[in-house]
Amino acid sequence: MFLSVIIAVIMIFGAMWTIVTEDLFKAIVIFAIVSLSSSIMFLLMQAPDVAITEAAIGSGITTALFIFTYKKVEEEKDER
């Protein structure tokens, strides 16, 4: 119970920090932390299949795609 509250608070503050941060790379990393926290929350709710899916897709693939896109955008900025 107490661990669930701590993780929920981390997720809420992380989501707000993602919205207000100016640095895009920082926002991507914080988004990954929120997604990983969500995965842990699913595990605590005894839904391991959903937790594994969230960890693989939400934390892993989505973050990798965001970082790849971020690097492409930065390369485009450097060319201009």
N, C-alpha and C. Protein backbone atom coordinates (compact mmCIF):
# COMPACT_ATOMS: atom_id res chain seq x y z
N MET A 1 0.82 -1.20 0.00
CA MET A 1 0.00 0.00 0.00
C MET A 1 0.87 1.27 0.00
N PHE A 2 1.81 1.32 0.94
CA PHE A 2 2.66 2.50 1.04
C PHE A 2 3.54 2.66 -0.20
N LEU A 3 4.03 1.55 -0.73
CA LEU A 3 4.86 1.59 -1.94
C LEU A 3 4.04 2.08 -3.14
N SER A 4 2.79 1.68 -3.20
CA SER A 4 1.91 2.14 -4.29
C SER A 4 1.71 3.65 -4.25
N VAL A 5 1.57 4.19 -3.07
CA VAL A 5 1.40 5.64 -2.93
C VAL A 5 2.66 6.38 -3.37
N ILE A 6 3.81 5.86 -2.98
CA ILE A 6 5.08 6.50 -3.37
C ILE A 6 5.24 6.48 -4.89
N ILE A 7 4.94 5.34 -5.50
CA ILE A 7 5.07 5.24 -6.95
C ILE A 7 4.06 6.14 -7.65
N ALA A 8 2.85 6.23 -7.11
CA ALA A 8 1.84 7.12 -7.70
C ALA A 8 2.29 8.58 -7.63
N VAL A 9 2.89 8.97 -6.52
CA VAL A 9 3.39 10.35 -6.37
C VAL A 9 4.53 10.60 -7.36
N ILE A 10 5.42 9.63 -7.51
CA ILE A 10 6.51 9.76 -8.49
C ILE A 10 5.94 9.93 -9.89
N MET A 11 4.91 9.15 -10.21
CA MET A 11 4.30 9.25 -11.55
C MET A 11 3.65 10.61 -11.77
N ILE A 12 2.96 11.12 -10.77
CA ILE A 12 2.27 12.41 -10.91
C ILE A 12 3.29 13.54 -11.08
N PHE A 13 4.31 13.57 -10.20
CA PHE A 13 5.31 14.62 -10.32
C PHE A 13 6.13 14.49 -11.60
N GLY A 14 6.41 13.26 -12.00
CA GLY A 14 7.13 13.05 -13.25
C GLY A 14 6.33 13.53 -14.45
N ALA A 15 5.04 13.25 -14.45
CA ALA A 15 4.19 13.70 -15.56
C ALA A 15 4.14 15.22 -15.62
N MET A 16 4.01 15.86 -14.45
CA MET A 16 3.99 17.33 -14.44
C MET A 16 5.34 17.90 -14.87
N TRP A 17 6.42 17.27 -14.43
CA TRP A 17 7.76 17.75 -14.79
C TRP A 17 7.99 17.59 -16.29
N THR A 18 7.47 16.51 -16.87
CA THR A 18 7.59 16.32 -18.31
C THR A 18 6.90 17.44 -19.07
N ILE A 19 5.77 17.87 -18.57
CA ILE A 19 5.01 18.92 -19.25
C ILE A 19 5.71 20.28 -19.17
N VAL A 20 6.28 20.61 -18.01
CA VAL A 20 6.82 21.96 -17.82
C VAL A 20 8.28 22.12 -18.20
N THR A 21 9.00 21.03 -18.43
CA THR A 21 10.43 21.16 -18.74
C THR A 21 10.64 21.73 -20.14
N GLU A 22 11.68 22.50 -20.26
CA GLU A 22 12.00 23.13 -21.55
C GLU A 22 12.89 22.23 -22.40
N ASP A 23 13.72 21.42 -21.76
CA ASP A 23 14.65 20.55 -22.46
C ASP A 23 13.92 19.29 -22.94
N LEU A 24 13.92 19.08 -24.23
CA LEU A 24 13.18 17.96 -24.81
C LEU A 24 13.77 16.61 -24.42
N PHE A 25 15.10 16.51 -24.39
CA PHE A 25 15.72 15.24 -24.01
C PHE A 25 15.40 14.88 -22.56
N LYS A 26 15.40 15.89 -21.68
CA LYS A 26 15.03 15.66 -20.29
C LYS A 26 13.59 15.15 -20.19
N ALA A 27 12.71 15.71 -21.00
CA ALA A 27 11.32 15.29 -21.00
C ALA A 27 11.18 13.83 -21.43
N ILE A 28 11.99 13.42 -22.39
CA ILE A 28 11.95 12.03 -22.86
C ILE A 28 12.40 11.08 -21.75
N VAL A 29 13.47 11.45 -21.04
CA VAL A 29 13.98 10.60 -19.97
C VAL A 29 12.97 10.52 -18.82
N ILE A 30 12.37 11.63 -18.47
CA ILE A 30 11.37 11.63 -17.40
C ILE A 30 10.15 10.83 -17.83
N PHE A 31 9.76 10.92 -19.08
CA PHE A 31 8.66 10.11 -19.60
C PHE A 31 8.96 8.62 -19.45
N ALA A 32 10.21 8.24 -19.71
CA ALA A 32 10.61 6.84 -19.55
C ALA A 32 10.51 6.41 -18.10
N ILE A 33 10.87 7.29 -17.18
CA ILE A 33 10.77 6.97 -15.75
C ILE A 33 9.32 6.81 -15.34
N VAL A 34 8.45 7.69 -15.83
CA VAL A 34 7.02 7.56 -15.53
C VAL A 34 6.46 6.26 -16.09
N SER A 35 6.88 5.90 -17.28
CA SER A 35 6.41 4.66 -17.88
C SER A 35 6.92 3.45 -17.11
N LEU A 36 8.15 3.49 -16.67
CA LEU A 36 8.68 2.39 -15.87
C LEU A 36 7.98 2.31 -14.52
N SER A 37 7.65 3.45 -13.94
CA SER A 37 6.88 3.47 -12.69
C SER A 37 5.50 2.87 -12.90
N SER A 38 4.93 3.14 -14.04
CA SER A 38 3.63 2.55 -14.38
C SER A 38 3.74 1.04 -14.46
N SER A 39 4.82 0.55 -15.01
CA SER A 39 5.05 -0.88 -15.10
C SER A 39 5.16 -1.50 -13.70
N ILE A 40 5.87 -0.84 -12.81
CA ILE A 40 5.99 -1.33 -11.44
C ILE A 40 4.63 -1.32 -10.75
N MET A 41 3.84 -0.29 -11.01
CA MET A 41 2.50 -0.21 -10.42
C MET A 41 1.62 -1.37 -10.89
N PHE A 42 1.70 -1.71 -12.17
CA PHE A 42 0.94 -2.86 -12.66
C PHE A 42 1.40 -4.15 -11.99
N LEU A 43 2.68 -4.26 -11.74
CA LEU A 43 3.21 -5.44 -11.07
C LEU A 43 2.68 -5.53 -9.64
N LEU A 44 2.61 -4.39 -8.96
CA LEU A 44 2.06 -4.37 -7.60
C LEU A 44 0.57 -4.70 -7.58
N MET A 45 -0.13 -4.41 -8.67
CA MET A 45 -1.55 -4.74 -8.76
C MET A 45 -1.79 -6.16 -9.24
N GLN A 46 -0.71 -6.95 -9.26
CA GLN A 46 -0.75 -8.36 -9.63
C GLN A 46 -1.24 -8.57 -11.06
N ALA A 47 -0.71 -7.75 -11.97
CA ALA A 47 -0.97 -7.90 -13.40
C ALA A 47 0.37 -8.00 -14.12
N PRO A 48 1.07 -9.13 -13.96
CA PRO A 48 2.43 -9.22 -14.52
C PRO A 48 2.47 -9.16 -16.04
N ASP A 49 1.43 -9.66 -16.71
CA ASP A 49 1.42 -9.60 -18.17
C ASP A 49 1.35 -8.16 -18.67
N VAL A 50 0.54 -7.35 -18.02
CA VAL A 50 0.43 -5.94 -18.40
C VAL A 50 1.72 -5.20 -18.04
N ALA A 51 2.32 -5.56 -16.90
CA ALA A 51 3.57 -4.93 -16.47
C ALA A 51 4.69 -5.20 -17.47
N ILE A 52 4.78 -6.44 -17.94
CA ILE A 52 5.83 -6.78 -18.92
C ILE A 52 5.59 -6.04 -20.22
N THR A 53 4.34 -5.97 -20.65
CA THR A 53 4.02 -5.25 -21.88
C THR A 53 4.34 -3.77 -21.76
N GLU A 54 3.99 -3.17 -20.63
CA GLU A 54 4.29 -1.75 -20.41
C GLU A 54 5.79 -1.50 -20.36
N ALA A 55 6.51 -2.41 -19.72
CA ALA A 55 7.97 -2.24 -19.65
C ALA A 55 8.60 -2.35 -21.02
N ALA A 56 8.15 -3.32 -21.80
CA ALA A 56 8.75 -3.54 -23.12
C ALA A 56 8.37 -2.44 -24.11
N ILE A 57 7.09 -2.15 -24.19
CA ILE A 57 6.63 -1.19 -25.20
C ILE A 57 6.70 0.23 -24.68
N GLY A 58 6.12 0.49 -23.51
CA GLY A 58 6.08 1.85 -22.98
C GLY A 58 7.45 2.40 -22.63
N SER A 59 8.19 1.63 -21.86
CA SER A 59 9.51 2.12 -21.43
C SER A 59 10.58 1.89 -22.48
N GLY A 60 10.53 0.76 -23.14
CA GLY A 60 11.60 0.41 -24.06
C GLY A 60 11.46 0.98 -25.46
N ILE A 61 10.50 0.48 -26.19
CA ILE A 61 10.37 0.83 -27.61
C ILE A 61 9.99 2.30 -27.80
N THR A 62 9.02 2.77 -27.01
CA THR A 62 8.58 4.16 -27.17
C THR A 62 9.71 5.13 -26.86
N THR A 63 10.44 4.87 -25.79
CA THR A 63 11.56 5.74 -25.44
C THR A 63 12.64 5.71 -26.52
N ALA A 64 12.92 4.54 -27.04
CA ALA A 64 13.92 4.43 -28.11
C ALA A 64 13.48 5.21 -29.35
N LEU A 65 12.21 5.12 -29.70
CA LEU A 65 11.70 5.87 -30.85
C LEU A 65 11.76 7.38 -30.61
N PHE A 66 11.42 7.81 -29.38
CA PHE A 66 11.50 9.23 -29.06
C PHE A 66 12.93 9.74 -29.15
N ILE A 67 13.89 8.96 -28.64
CA ILE A 67 15.29 9.38 -28.69
C ILE A 67 15.79 9.42 -30.13
N PHE A 68 15.42 8.42 -30.92
CA PHE A 68 15.79 8.40 -32.33
C PHE A 68 15.24 9.63 -33.05
N THR A 69 13.98 9.95 -32.80
CA THR A 69 13.36 11.12 -33.43
C THR A 69 14.03 12.41 -32.95
N TYR A 70 14.35 12.47 -31.67
CA TYR A 70 15.03 13.64 -31.12
C TYR A 70 16.37 13.87 -31.82
N LYS A 71 17.12 12.80 -32.00
CA LYS A 71 18.43 12.92 -32.67
C LYS A 71 18.26 13.37 -34.12
N LYS A 72 17.25 12.87 -34.80
CA LYS A 72 16.98 13.30 -36.18
C LYS A 72 16.63 14.79 -36.24
N VAL A 73 15.83 15.25 -35.30
CA VAL A 73 15.44 16.66 -35.25
C VAL A 73 16.66 17.52 -34.99
N GLU A 74 17.52 17.08 -34.07
CA GLU A 74 18.74 17.84 -33.77
C GLU A 74 19.67 17.90 -34.99
N GLU A 75 19.75 16.80 -35.73
CA GLU A 75 20.58 16.80 -36.95
C GLU A 75 20.02 17.77 -37.98
N GLU A 76 18.70 17.83 -38.11
CA GLU A 76 18.08 18.78 -39.04
C GLU A 76 18.36 20.21 -38.62
N LYS A 77 18.35 20.48 -37.31
CA LYS A 77 18.65 21.82 -36.83
C LYS A 77 20.10 22.20 -37.15
N ASP A 78 21.01 21.25 -37.00
CA ASP A 78 22.42 21.52 -37.27
C ASP A 78 22.67 21.80 -38.75
N GLU A 79 21.90 21.18 -39.62
CA GLU A 79 22.08 21.39 -41.05
C GLU A 79 21.60 22.77 -41.48
N ARG A 80 20.66 23.33 -40.75
CA ARG A 80 20.12 24.64 -41.14
C ARG A 80 20.97 25.72 -40.66
